[in-house]
Amino acid sequence: MIASGVLGATIAGETLAWIPFVSPLPAPGPWWWLLLCPLVLGISMSWKAVRLTDFDRYWSSVIGMTLQILLGMAGLTAALLLLVRFVIPLLPV
């Protein structure tokens, strides 16, 4: 017998494993931000594969773009950290 639960269907008393948009997937621990590296590498590879006309310097262009994006993200992170930790507390309420 199939019964309906509040957030999803249950089958014979067992809830389904994951309901998209209702309960998010668990993060892969405290190192979730390292998943940015393969994501940026894939985006760089795709972008350069479409934009380059000559593939002689493909991998050097991909590595250069990957490093630019990662260093840009690190710089933005540091700037926001300084803003939140030091500048915003100095503002009058």
PDB file of N, CA and C in Angstrom:
ATOM      1  N   MET A   1       0.844  -1.170   0.000  1.00  0.00           N
ATOM      2  CA  MET A   1       0.000   0.000   0.000  1.00  0.00           C
ATOM      3  C   MET A   1       0.893   1.237   0.000  1.00  0.00           C
ATOM      4  N   ILE A   2       0.571   2.199  -0.822  1.00  0.00           N
ATOM      5  CA  ILE A   2       1.363   3.413  -0.948  1.00  0.00           C
ATOM      6  C   ILE A   2       0.657   4.539  -0.212  1.00  0.00           C
ATOM      7  N   ALA A   3       1.383   5.168   0.697  1.00  0.00           N
ATOM      8  CA  ALA A   3       0.827   6.293   1.449  1.00  0.00           C
ATOM      9  C   ALA A   3       1.634   7.545   1.146  1.00  0.00           C
ATOM     10  N   SER A   4       1.016   8.683   1.215  1.00  0.00           N
ATOM     11  CA  SER A   4       1.678   9.943   0.917  1.00  0.00           C
ATOM     12  C   SER A   4       2.093  10.638   2.207  1.00  0.00           C
ATOM     13  N   GLY A   5       3.339  11.092   2.273  1.00  0.00           N
ATOM     14  CA  GLY A   5       3.837  11.823   3.435  1.00  0.00           C
ATOM     15  C   GLY A   5       3.675  13.318   3.233  1.00  0.00           C
ATOM     16  N   VAL A   6       4.187  14.098   4.174  1.00  0.00           N
ATOM     17  CA  VAL A   6       4.060  15.552   4.098  1.00  0.00           C
ATOM     18  C   VAL A   6       4.946  16.107   2.992  1.00  0.00           C
ATOM     19  N   LEU A   7       6.204  15.674   2.931  1.00  0.00           N
ATOM     20  CA  LEU A   7       7.131  16.216   1.950  1.00  0.00           C
ATOM     21  C   LEU A   7       7.359  15.304   0.758  1.00  0.00           C
ATOM     22  N   GLY A   8       6.888  14.111   0.777  1.00  0.00           N
ATOM     23  CA  GLY A   8       7.099  13.216  -0.347  1.00  0.00           C
ATOM     24  C   GLY A   8       6.387  11.907  -0.130  1.00  0.00           C
ATOM     25  N   ALA A   9       6.488  11.065  -1.109  1.00  0.00           N
ATOM     26  CA  ALA A   9       5.786   9.788  -1.035  1.00  0.00           C
ATOM     27  C   ALA A   9       6.571   8.794  -0.195  1.00  0.00           C
ATOM     28  N   THR A  10       5.869   7.946   0.495  1.00  0.00           N
ATOM     29  CA  THR A  10       6.497   6.852   1.228  1.00  0.00           C
ATOM     30  C   THR A  10       5.993   5.547   0.658  1.00  0.00           C
ATOM     31  N   ILE A  11       6.860   4.604   0.581  1.00  0.00           N
ATOM     32  CA  ILE A  11       6.502   3.297   0.049  1.00  0.00           C
ATOM     33  C   ILE A  11       6.698   2.289   1.157  1.00  0.00           C
ATOM     34  N   ALA A  12       5.623   1.720   1.625  1.00  0.00           N
ATOM     35  CA  ALA A  12       5.632   0.705   2.681  1.00  0.00           C
ATOM     36  C   ALA A  12       6.388   1.196   3.915  1.00  0.00           C
ATOM     37  N   GLY A  13       6.223   2.464   4.274  1.00  0.00           N
ATOM     38  CA  GLY A  13       6.841   3.000   5.477  1.00  0.00           C
ATOM     39  C   GLY A  13       8.253   3.516   5.292  1.00  0.00           C
ATOM     40  N   GLU A  14       8.844   3.339   4.123  1.00  0.00           N
ATOM     41  CA  GLU A  14      10.200   3.821   3.870  1.00  0.00           C
ATOM     42  C   GLU A  14      10.124   5.093   3.040  1.00  0.00           C
ATOM     43  N   THR A  15      10.802   6.129   3.490  1.00  0.00           N
ATOM     44  CA  THR A  15      10.792   7.370   2.726  1.00  0.00           C
ATOM     45  C   THR A  15      11.788   7.274   1.588  1.00  0.00           C
ATOM     46  N   LEU A  16      11.522   8.021   0.551  1.00  0.00           N
ATOM     47  CA  LEU A  16      12.461   8.080  -0.560  1.00  0.00           C
ATOM     48  C   LEU A  16      13.726   8.795  -0.104  1.00  0.00           C
ATOM     49  N   ALA A  17      14.841   8.502  -0.742  1.00  0.00           N
ATOM     50  CA  ALA A  17      16.137   8.963  -0.263  1.00  0.00           C
ATOM     51  C   ALA A  17      16.304  10.480  -0.303  1.00  0.00           C
ATOM     52  N   TRP A  18      15.891  11.117  -1.398  1.00  0.00           N
ATOM     53  CA  TRP A  18      16.179  12.536  -1.552  1.00  0.00           C
ATOM     54  C   TRP A  18      15.072  13.191  -2.357  1.00  0.00           C
ATOM     55  N   ILE A  19      14.608  14.330  -1.902  1.00  0.00           N
ATOM     56  CA  ILE A  19      13.569  15.069  -2.599  1.00  0.00           C
ATOM     57  C   ILE A  19      14.190  16.378  -3.078  1.00  0.00           C
ATOM     58  N   PRO A  20      14.379  16.545  -4.394  1.00  0.00           N
ATOM     59  CA  PRO A  20      15.020  17.763  -4.898  1.00  0.00           C
ATOM     60  C   PRO A  20      14.245  19.019  -4.518  1.00  0.00           C
ATOM     61  N   PHE A  21      14.960  20.092  -4.254  1.00  0.00           N
ATOM     62  CA  PHE A  21      14.451  21.417  -3.915  1.00  0.00           C
ATOM     63  C   PHE A  21      13.762  21.483  -2.551  1.00  0.00           C
ATOM     64  N   VAL A  22      13.532  20.359  -1.889  1.00  0.00           N
ATOM     65  CA  VAL A  22      12.929  20.368  -0.562  1.00  0.00           C
ATOM     66  C   VAL A  22      14.005  20.156   0.495  1.00  0.00           C
ATOM     67  N   SER A  23      14.818  19.132   0.296  1.00  0.00           N
ATOM     68  CA  SER A  23      15.938  18.885   1.200  1.00  0.00           C
ATOM     69  C   SER A  23      17.216  18.851   0.361  1.00  0.00           C
ATOM     70  N   PRO A  24      18.134  19.790   0.567  1.00  0.00           N
ATOM     71  CA  PRO A  24      19.341  19.832  -0.254  1.00  0.00           C
ATOM     72  C   PRO A  24      20.248  18.638   0.021  1.00  0.00           C
ATOM     73  N   LEU A  25      21.071  18.310  -0.963  1.00  0.00           N
ATOM     74  CA  LEU A  25      22.050  17.251  -0.771  1.00  0.00           C
ATOM     75  C   LEU A  25      23.065  17.679   0.279  1.00  0.00           C
ATOM     76  N   PRO A  26      23.567  16.758   1.063  1.00  0.00           N
ATOM     77  CA  PRO A  26      24.578  17.137   2.053  1.00  0.00           C
ATOM     78  C   PRO A  26      25.879  17.554   1.367  1.00  0.00           C
ATOM     79  N   ALA A  27      26.534  18.557   1.923  1.00  0.00           N
ATOM     80  CA  ALA A  27      27.805  19.018   1.378  1.00  0.00           C
ATOM     81  C   ALA A  27      28.882  17.979   1.674  1.00  0.00           C
ATOM     82  N   PRO A  28      29.889  17.888   0.805  1.00  0.00           N
ATOM     83  CA  PRO A  28      30.951  16.899   1.024  1.00  0.00           C
ATOM     84  C   PRO A  28      31.951  17.326   2.088  1.00  0.00           C
ATOM     85  N   GLY A  29      31.493  17.688   3.236  1.00  0.00           N
ATOM     86  CA  GLY A  29      32.383  18.017   4.340  1.00  0.00           C
ATOM     87  C   GLY A  29      32.877  19.441   4.278  1.00  0.00           C
ATOM     88  N   PRO A  30      33.897  19.749   5.080  1.00  0.00           N
ATOM     89  CA  PRO A  30      34.393  21.126   5.136  1.00  0.00           C
ATOM     90  C   PRO A  30      35.228  21.525   3.921  1.00  0.00           C
ATOM     91  N   TRP A  31      35.513  20.604   3.041  1.00  0.00           N
ATOM     92  CA  TRP A  31      36.348  20.892   1.876  1.00  0.00           C
ATOM     93  C   TRP A  31      35.530  21.045   0.605  1.00  0.00           C
ATOM     94  N   TRP A  32      34.247  21.425   0.722  1.00  0.00           N
ATOM     95  CA  TRP A  32      33.373  21.539  -0.432  1.00  0.00           C
ATOM     96  C   TRP A  32      33.873  22.576  -1.429  1.00  0.00           C
ATOM     97  N   TRP A  33      34.577  23.589  -0.970  1.00  0.00           N
ATOM     98  CA  TRP A  33      35.024  24.658  -1.856  1.00  0.00           C
ATOM     99  C   TRP A  33      36.091  24.187  -2.845  1.00  0.00           C
ATOM    100  N   LEU A  34      36.729  23.041  -2.566  1.00  0.00           N
ATOM    101  CA  LEU A  34      37.717  22.513  -3.509  1.00  0.00           C
ATOM    102  C   LEU A  34      37.069  22.003  -4.792  1.00  0.00           C
ATOM    103  N   LEU A  35      35.760  21.794  -4.778  1.00  0.00           N
ATOM    104  CA  LEU A  35      35.053  21.397  -5.987  1.00  0.00           C
ATOM    105  C   LEU A  35      35.041  22.521  -7.019  1.00  0.00           C
ATOM    106  N   LEU A  36      35.432  23.727  -6.612  1.00  0.00           N
ATOM    107  CA  LEU A  36      35.535  24.839  -7.543  1.00  0.00           C
ATOM    108  C   LEU A  36      36.627  24.593  -8.584  1.00  0.00           C
ATOM    109  N   CYS A  37      37.703  23.898  -8.205  1.00  0.00           N
ATOM    110  CA  CYS A  37      38.832  23.677  -9.117  1.00  0.00           C
ATOM    111  C   CYS A  37      38.441  22.871 -10.358  1.00  0.00           C
ATOM    112  N   PRO A  38      37.831  21.686 -10.235  1.00  0.00           N
ATOM    113  CA  PRO A  38      37.443  20.980 -11.458  1.00  0.00           C
ATOM    114  C   PRO A  38      36.338  21.695 -12.229  1.00  0.00           C
ATOM    115  N   LEU A  39      35.472  22.423 -11.540  1.00  0.00           N
ATOM    116  CA  LEU A  39      34.429  23.182 -12.225  1.00  0.00           C
ATOM    117  C   LEU A  39      35.050  24.264 -13.099  1.00  0.00           C
ATOM    118  N   VAL A  40      35.991  25.016 -12.554  1.00  0.00           N
ATOM    119  CA  VAL A  40      36.652  26.083 -13.303  1.00  0.00           C
ATOM    120  C   VAL A  40      37.478  25.498 -14.443  1.00  0.00           C
ATOM    121  N   LEU A  41      38.137  24.375 -14.211  1.00  0.00           N
ATOM    122  CA  LEU A  41      38.909  23.735 -15.274  1.00  0.00           C
ATOM    123  C   LEU A  41      38.000  23.321 -16.428  1.00  0.00           C
ATOM    124  N   GLY A  42      36.857  22.742 -16.129  1.00  0.00           N
ATOM    125  CA  GLY A  42      35.916  22.343 -17.179  1.00  0.00           C
ATOM    126  C   GLY A  42      35.368  23.530 -17.946  1.00  0.00           C
ATOM    127  N   ILE A  43      35.056  24.607 -17.240  1.00  0.00           N
ATOM    128  CA  ILE A  43      34.570  25.815 -17.910  1.00  0.00           C
ATOM    129  C   ILE A  43      35.657  26.400 -18.801  1.00  0.00           C
ATOM    130  N   SER A  44      36.891  26.418 -18.320  1.00  0.00           N
ATOM    131  CA  SER A  44      38.004  26.949 -19.114  1.00  0.00           C
ATOM    132  C   SER A  44      38.254  26.102 -20.350  1.00  0.00           C
ATOM    133  N   MET A  45      38.196  24.785 -20.197  1.00  0.00           N
ATOM    134  CA  MET A  45      38.395  23.899 -21.345  1.00  0.00           C
ATOM    135  C   MET A  45      37.310  24.115 -22.394  1.00  0.00           C
ATOM    136  N   SER A  46      36.079  24.225 -21.955  1.00  0.00           N
ATOM    137  CA  SER A  46      34.973  24.431 -22.894  1.00  0.00           C
ATOM    138  C   SER A  46      35.081  25.784 -23.588  1.00  0.00           C
ATOM    139  N   TRP A  47      35.375  26.818 -22.820  1.00  0.00           N
ATOM    140  CA  TRP A  47      35.461  28.164 -23.381  1.00  0.00           C
ATOM    141  C   TRP A  47      36.582  28.255 -24.411  1.00  0.00           C
ATOM    142  N   LYS A  48      37.748  27.736 -24.071  1.00  0.00           N
ATOM    143  CA  LYS A  48      38.878  27.820 -24.990  1.00  0.00           C
ATOM    144  C   LYS A  48      38.688  26.923 -26.212  1.00  0.00           C
ATOM    145  N   ALA A  49      37.991  25.795 -26.059  1.00  0.00           N
ATOM    146  CA  ALA A  49      37.733  24.925 -27.208  1.00  0.00           C
ATOM    147  C   ALA A  49      36.843  25.618 -28.227  1.00  0.00           C
ATOM    148  N   VAL A  50      35.944  26.456 -27.764  1.00  0.00           N
ATOM    149  CA  VAL A  50      35.048  27.164 -28.676  1.00  0.00           C
ATOM    150  C   VAL A  50      35.714  28.412 -29.245  1.00  0.00           C
ATOM    151  N   ARG A  51      36.494  29.121 -28.442  1.00  0.00           N
ATOM    152  CA  ARG A  51      37.006  30.429 -28.840  1.00  0.00           C
ATOM    153  C   ARG A  51      38.331  30.404 -29.605  1.00  0.00           C
ATOM    154  N   LEU A  52      39.179  29.423 -29.369  1.00  0.00           N
ATOM    155  CA  LEU A  52      40.490  29.423 -30.024  1.00  0.00           C
ATOM    156  C   LEU A  52      40.370  28.962 -31.476  1.00  0.00           C
ATOM    157  N   THR A  53      41.134  29.606 -32.346  1.00  0.00           N
ATOM    158  CA  THR A  53      41.163  29.170 -33.745  1.00  0.00           C
ATOM    159  C   THR A  53      42.330  28.226 -34.004  1.00  0.00           C
ATOM    160  N   ASP A  54      43.382  28.350 -33.201  1.00  0.00           N
ATOM    161  CA  ASP A  54      44.559  27.496 -33.340  1.00  0.00           C
ATOM    162  C   ASP A  54      44.797  26.790 -32.007  1.00  0.00           C
ATOM    163  N   PHE A  55      44.870  25.470 -32.036  1.00  0.00           N
ATOM    164  CA  PHE A  55      44.969  24.698 -30.800  1.00  0.00           C
ATOM    165  C   PHE A  55      46.407  24.387 -30.390  1.00  0.00           C
ATOM    166  N   ASP A  56      47.365  25.122 -30.922  1.00  0.00           N
ATOM    167  CA  ASP A  56      48.755  24.908 -30.522  1.00  0.00           C
ATOM    168  C   ASP A  56      48.984  25.308 -29.064  1.00  0.00           C
ATOM    169  N   ARG A  57      48.319  26.346 -28.634  1.00  0.00           N
ATOM    170  CA  ARG A  57      48.490  26.839 -27.263  1.00  0.00           C
ATOM    171  C   ARG A  57      47.244  26.579 -26.429  1.00  0.00           C
ATOM    172  N   TYR A  58      46.522  25.506 -26.724  1.00  0.00           N
ATOM    173  CA  TYR A  58      45.258  25.219 -26.045  1.00  0.00           C
ATOM    174  C   TYR A  58      45.459  25.012 -24.549  1.00  0.00           C
ATOM    175  N   TRP A  59      46.358  24.085 -24.177  1.00  0.00           N
ATOM    176  CA  TRP A  59      46.495  23.754 -22.749  1.00  0.00           C
ATOM    177  C   TRP A  59      47.093  24.894 -21.941  1.00  0.00           C
ATOM    178  N   SER A  60      48.017  25.638 -22.534  1.00  0.00           N
ATOM    179  CA  SER A  60      48.553  26.785 -21.795  1.00  0.00           C
ATOM    180  C   SER A  60      47.481  27.859 -21.616  1.00  0.00           C
ATOM    181  N   SER A  61      46.616  28.026 -22.611  1.00  0.00           N
ATOM    182  CA  SER A  61      45.516  28.982 -22.474  1.00  0.00           C
ATOM    183  C   SER A  61      44.510  28.522 -21.431  1.00  0.00           C
ATOM    184  N   VAL A  62      44.233  27.216 -21.401  1.00  0.00           N
ATOM    185  CA  VAL A  62      43.288  26.675 -20.418  1.00  0.00           C
ATOM    186  C   VAL A  62      43.836  26.849 -19.007  1.00  0.00           C
ATOM    187  N   ILE A  63      45.100  26.512 -18.800  1.00  0.00           N
ATOM    188  CA  ILE A  63      45.705  26.656 -17.470  1.00  0.00           C
ATOM    189  C   ILE A  63      45.747  28.126 -17.060  1.00  0.00           C
ATOM    190  N   GLY A  64      46.087  29.006 -18.004  1.00  0.00           N
ATOM    191  CA  GLY A  64      46.113  30.436 -17.695  1.00  0.00           C
ATOM    192  C   GLY A  64      44.750  30.965 -17.296  1.00  0.00           C
ATOM    193  N   MET A  65      43.716  30.580 -18.032  1.00  0.00           N
ATOM    194  CA  MET A  65      42.365  31.037 -17.696  1.00  0.00           C
ATOM    195  C   MET A  65      41.905  30.456 -16.368  1.00  0.00           C
ATOM    196  N   THR A  66      42.234  29.184 -16.123  1.00  0.00           N
ATOM    197  CA  THR A  66      41.866  28.553 -14.856  1.00  0.00           C
ATOM    198  C   THR A  66      42.508  29.281 -13.683  1.00  0.00           C
ATOM    199  N   LEU A  67      43.790  29.590 -13.797  1.00  0.00           N
ATOM    200  CA  LEU A  67      44.480  30.310 -12.722  1.00  0.00           C
ATOM    201  C   LEU A  67      43.922  31.718 -12.538  1.00  0.00           C
ATOM    202  N   GLN A  68      43.583  32.388 -13.644  1.00  0.00           N
ATOM    203  CA  GLN A  68      43.001  33.723 -13.535  1.00  0.00           C
ATOM    204  C   GLN A  68      41.683  33.689 -12.776  1.00  0.00           C
ATOM    205  N   ILE A  69      40.832  32.723 -13.098  1.00  0.00           N
ATOM    206  CA  ILE A  69      39.536  32.633 -12.423  1.00  0.00           C
ATOM    207  C   ILE A  69      39.725  32.296 -10.951  1.00  0.00           C
ATOM    208  N   LEU A  70      40.592  31.307 -10.660  1.00  0.00           N
ATOM    209  CA  LEU A  70      40.793  30.908  -9.265  1.00  0.00           C
ATOM    210  C   LEU A  70      41.410  32.033  -8.436  1.00  0.00           C
ATOM    211  N   LEU A  71      42.387  32.741  -8.996  1.00  0.00           N
ATOM    212  CA  LEU A  71      42.992  33.860  -8.267  1.00  0.00           C
ATOM    213  C   LEU A  71      42.003  35.013  -8.106  1.00  0.00           C
ATOM    214  N   GLY A  72      41.165  35.230  -9.107  1.00  0.00           N
ATOM    215  CA  GLY A  72      40.125  36.248  -8.985  1.00  0.00           C
ATOM    216  C   GLY A  72      39.132  35.914  -7.890  1.00  0.00           C
ATOM    217  N   MET A  73      38.732  34.640  -7.816  1.00  0.00           N
ATOM    218  CA  MET A  73      37.802  34.220  -6.761  1.00  0.00           C
ATOM    219  C   MET A  73      38.458  34.344  -5.385  1.00  0.00           C
ATOM    220  N   ALA A  74      39.743  33.995  -5.286  1.00  0.00           N
ATOM    221  CA  ALA A  74      40.449  34.127  -4.007  1.00  0.00           C
ATOM    222  C   ALA A  74      40.562  35.598  -3.606  1.00  0.00           C
ATOM    223  N   GLY A  75      40.831  36.472  -4.569  1.00  0.00           N
ATOM    224  CA  GLY A  75      40.895  37.900  -4.275  1.00  0.00           C
ATOM    225  C   GLY A  75      39.558  38.462  -3.824  1.00  0.00           C
ATOM    226  N   LEU A  76      38.483  38.057  -4.495  1.00  0.00           N
ATOM    227  CA  LEU A  76      37.151  38.500  -4.075  1.00  0.00           C
ATOM    228  C   LEU A  76      36.802  37.985  -2.687  1.00  0.00           C
ATOM    229  N   THR A  77      37.217  36.750  -2.397  1.00  0.00           N
ATOM    230  CA  THR A  77      36.972  36.186  -1.070  1.00  0.00           C
ATOM    231  C   THR A  77      37.704  36.987   0.001  1.00  0.00           C
ATOM    232  N   ALA A  78      38.965  37.308  -0.260  1.00  0.00           N
ATOM    233  CA  ALA A  78      39.742  38.089   0.711  1.00  0.00           C
ATOM    234  C   ALA A  78      39.154  39.485   0.893  1.00  0.00           C
ATOM    235  N   ALA A  79      38.721  40.109  -0.201  1.00  0.00           N
ATOM    236  CA  ALA A  79      38.140  41.448  -0.102  1.00  0.00           C
ATOM    237  C   ALA A  79      36.841  41.427   0.697  1.00  0.00           C
ATOM    238  N   LEU A  80      35.990  40.447   0.451  1.00  0.00           N
ATOM    239  CA  LEU A  80      34.741  40.353   1.207  1.00  0.00           C
ATOM    240  C   LEU A  80      34.993  40.030   2.672  1.00  0.00           C
ATOM    241  N   LEU A  81      36.011  39.207   2.942  1.00  0.00           N
ATOM    242  CA  LEU A  81      36.358  38.901   4.325  1.00  0.00           C
ATOM    243  C   LEU A  81      36.794  40.163   5.066  1.00  0.00           C
ATOM    244  N   LEU A  82      37.650  40.951   4.441  1.00  0.00           N
ATOM    245  CA  LEU A  82      38.083  42.208   5.061  1.00  0.00           C
ATOM    246  C   LEU A  82      36.914  43.164   5.250  1.00  0.00           C
ATOM    247  N   LEU A  83      36.026  43.223   4.279  1.00  0.00           N
ATOM    248  CA  LEU A  83      34.871  44.107   4.385  1.00  0.00           C
ATOM    249  C   LEU A  83      33.963  43.705   5.540  1.00  0.00           C
ATOM    250  N   VAL A  84      33.674  42.421   5.633  1.00  0.00           N
ATOM    251  CA  VAL A  84      32.741  41.951   6.662  1.00  0.00           C
ATOM    252  C   VAL A  84      33.365  41.983   8.049  1.00  0.00           C
ATOM    253  N   ARG A  85      34.638  41.630   8.160  1.00  0.00           N
ATOM    254  CA  ARG A  85      35.269  41.555   9.479  1.00  0.00           C
ATOM    255  C   ARG A  85      35.700  42.904  10.035  1.00  0.00           C
ATOM    256  N   PHE A  86      36.136  43.823   9.160  1.00  0.00           N
ATOM    257  CA  PHE A  86      36.748  45.047   9.664  1.00  0.00           C
ATOM    258  C   PHE A  86      36.005  46.326   9.300  1.00  0.00           C
ATOM    259  N   VAL A  87      35.477  46.431   8.105  1.00  0.00           N
ATOM    260  CA  VAL A  87      34.873  47.689   7.670  1.00  0.00           C
ATOM    261  C   VAL A  87      33.448  47.833   8.181  1.00  0.00           C
ATOM    262  N   ILE A  88      32.634  46.819   8.006  1.00  0.00           N
ATOM    263  CA  ILE A  88      31.227  46.907   8.409  1.00  0.00           C
ATOM    264  C   ILE A  88      31.068  47.123   9.916  1.00  0.00           C
ATOM    265  N   PRO A  89      31.869  46.487  10.787  1.00  0.00           N
ATOM    266  CA  PRO A  89      31.710  46.787  12.225  1.00  0.00           C
ATOM    267  C   PRO A  89      32.026  48.239  12.599  1.00  0.00           C
ATOM    268  N   LEU A  90      32.774  48.953  11.773  1.00  0.00           N
ATOM    269  CA  LEU A  90      33.105  50.350  12.067  1.00  0.00           C
ATOM    270  C   LEU A  90      31.994  51.320  11.676  1.00  0.00           C
ATOM    271  N   LEU A  91      31.031  50.871  10.889  1.00  0.00           N
ATOM    272  CA  LEU A  91      29.953  51.755  10.445  1.00  0.00           C
ATOM    273  C   LEU A  91      29.028  52.100  11.606  1.00  0.00           C
ATOM    274  N   PRO A  92      28.527  53.337  11.619  1.00  0.00           N
ATOM    275  CA  PRO A  92      27.588  53.701  12.696  1.00  0.00           C
ATOM    276  C   PRO A  92      26.254  52.987  12.507  1.00  0.00           C
ATOM    277  N   VAL A  93      25.621  52.685  13.623  1.00  0.00           N
ATOM    278  CA  VAL A  93      24.353  51.953  13.565  1.00  0.00           C
ATOM    279  C   VAL A  93      23.208  52.858  13.289  1.00  0.00           C
TER     280      VAL A  93
END
